[in-house]
Amino acid sequence: MDGVSWRKSSFSNTNGECVEFARVADGVLIRDSKNPSGPVLAFTPGEWRAFLAGVRQSEFDL
């Protein structure tokens, strides 16, 4: 993923256990910061909005 500007969450801790995201023309990419050459999740804008809505509504809380 050359040329993609990855960012870490401001909520990330110092032990490196966090995710990074990148906004791209066709959506949002997510990867594990500990494995930057590993798999990447790709979300369309609609999928990303649905995911964020679920987070805000606590749909993913354990």
C-alpha atoms as a PDB file:
ATOM      1  CA  MET A   1       0.000   0.000   0.000  1.00  0.00           C
ATOM      2  CA  ASP A   2       2.547   2.511  -1.146  1.00  0.00           C
ATOM      3  CA  GLY A   3       1.518   6.129  -1.028  1.00  0.00           C
ATOM      4  CA  VAL A   4      -1.167   5.595   1.613  1.00  0.00           C
ATOM      5  CA  SER A   5      -0.973   7.869   4.656  1.00  0.00           C
ATOM      6  CA  TRP A   6      -1.648   5.696   7.717  1.00  0.00           C
ATOM      7  CA  ARG A   7      -2.711   7.247  11.050  1.00  0.00           C
ATOM      8  CA  LYS A   8      -3.035   5.808  14.543  1.00  0.00           C
ATOM      9  CA  SER A   9      -5.913   6.547  16.839  1.00  0.00           C
ATOM     10  CA  SER A  10      -5.314   9.234  19.439  1.00  0.00           C
ATOM     11  CA  PHE A  11      -6.548   6.622  21.938  1.00  0.00           C
ATOM     12  CA  SER A  12      -3.647   4.286  21.136  1.00  0.00           C
ATOM     13  CA  ASN A  13      -1.454   3.223  24.004  1.00  0.00           C
ATOM     14  CA  THR A  14       2.339   3.026  24.035  1.00  0.00           C
ATOM     15  CA  ASN A  15       2.593  -0.789  23.887  1.00  0.00           C
ATOM     16  CA  GLY A  16       1.827  -0.746  20.152  1.00  0.00           C
ATOM     17  CA  GLU A  17      -1.465  -2.618  20.361  1.00  0.00           C
ATOM     18  CA  CYS A  18      -3.594  -0.498  18.118  1.00  0.00           C
ATOM     19  CA  VAL A  19      -4.998  -0.192  14.658  1.00  0.00           C
ATOM     20  CA  GLU A  20      -4.131   2.283  11.960  1.00  0.00           C
ATOM     21  CA  PHE A  21      -6.469   3.739   9.384  1.00  0.00           C
ATOM     22  CA  ALA A  22      -6.115   5.474   6.065  1.00  0.00           C
ATOM     23  CA  ARG A  23      -8.680   7.402   4.068  1.00  0.00           C
ATOM     24  CA  VAL A  24      -8.532   6.552   0.391  1.00  0.00           C
ATOM     25  CA  ALA A  25     -10.583   7.660  -2.600  1.00  0.00           C
ATOM     26  CA  ASP A  26     -12.982   4.727  -2.363  1.00  0.00           C
ATOM     27  CA  GLY A  27     -13.300   4.418   1.440  1.00  0.00           C
ATOM     28  CA  VAL A  28     -11.243   3.583   4.506  1.00  0.00           C
ATOM     29  CA  LEU A  29      -8.473   1.044   5.105  1.00  0.00           C
ATOM     30  CA  ILE A  30      -7.687  -0.523   8.496  1.00  0.00           C
ATOM     31  CA  ARG A  31      -4.609  -2.530   9.545  1.00  0.00           C
ATOM     32  CA  ASP A  32      -2.858  -3.819  12.652  1.00  0.00           C
ATOM     33  CA  SER A  33      -0.040  -1.439  13.586  1.00  0.00           C
ATOM     34  CA  LYS A  34       2.068  -4.374  14.820  1.00  0.00           C
ATOM     35  CA  ASN A  35       1.908  -5.982  11.360  1.00  0.00           C
ATOM     36  CA  PRO A  36       1.935  -3.177   8.779  1.00  0.00           C
ATOM     37  CA  SER A  37       2.696  -5.570   5.916  1.00  0.00           C
ATOM     38  CA  GLY A  38      -0.136  -7.901   6.946  1.00  0.00           C
ATOM     39  CA  PRO A  39      -3.759  -7.992   5.848  1.00  0.00           C
ATOM     40  CA  VAL A  40      -5.771  -4.820   5.366  1.00  0.00           C
ATOM     41  CA  LEU A  41      -9.523  -4.412   5.802  1.00  0.00           C
ATOM     42  CA  ALA A  42     -11.171  -2.191   3.197  1.00  0.00           C
ATOM     43  CA  PHE A  43     -14.496  -0.438   3.829  1.00  0.00           C
ATOM     44  CA  THR A  44     -16.610   1.457   1.326  1.00  0.00           C
ATOM     45  CA  PRO A  45     -17.895   4.831   2.561  1.00  0.00           C
ATOM     46  CA  GLY A  46     -21.311   3.273   3.305  1.00  0.00           C
ATOM     47  CA  GLU A  47     -19.800   0.338   5.188  1.00  0.00           C
ATOM     48  CA  TRP A  48     -17.608   2.694   7.208  1.00  0.00           C
ATOM     49  CA  ARG A  49     -20.592   4.903   8.145  1.00  0.00           C
ATOM     50  CA  ALA A  50     -22.544   1.799   9.224  1.00  0.00           C
ATOM     51  CA  PHE A  51     -19.600   0.576  11.305  1.00  0.00           C
ATOM     52  CA  LEU A  52     -19.190   3.945  13.036  1.00  0.00           C
ATOM     53  CA  ALA A  53     -22.926   4.089  13.743  1.00  0.00           C
ATOM     54  CA  GLY A  54     -22.677   0.652  15.359  1.00  0.00           C
ATOM     55  CA  VAL A  55     -19.749   1.787  17.503  1.00  0.00           C
ATOM     56  CA  ARG A  56     -21.646   4.875  18.640  1.00  0.00           C
ATOM     57  CA  GLN A  57     -24.679   2.734  19.508  1.00  0.00           C
ATOM     58  CA  SER A  58     -22.551   0.234  21.500  1.00  0.00           C
ATOM     59  CA  GLU A  59     -23.455  -2.635  19.158  1.00  0.00           C
ATOM     60  CA  PHE A  60     -20.017  -4.175  19.558  1.00  0.00           C
ATOM     61  CA  ASP A  61     -19.625  -3.902  23.344  1.00  0.00           C
ATOM     62  CA  LEU A  62     -18.953  -7.181  25.103  1.00  0.00           C
END
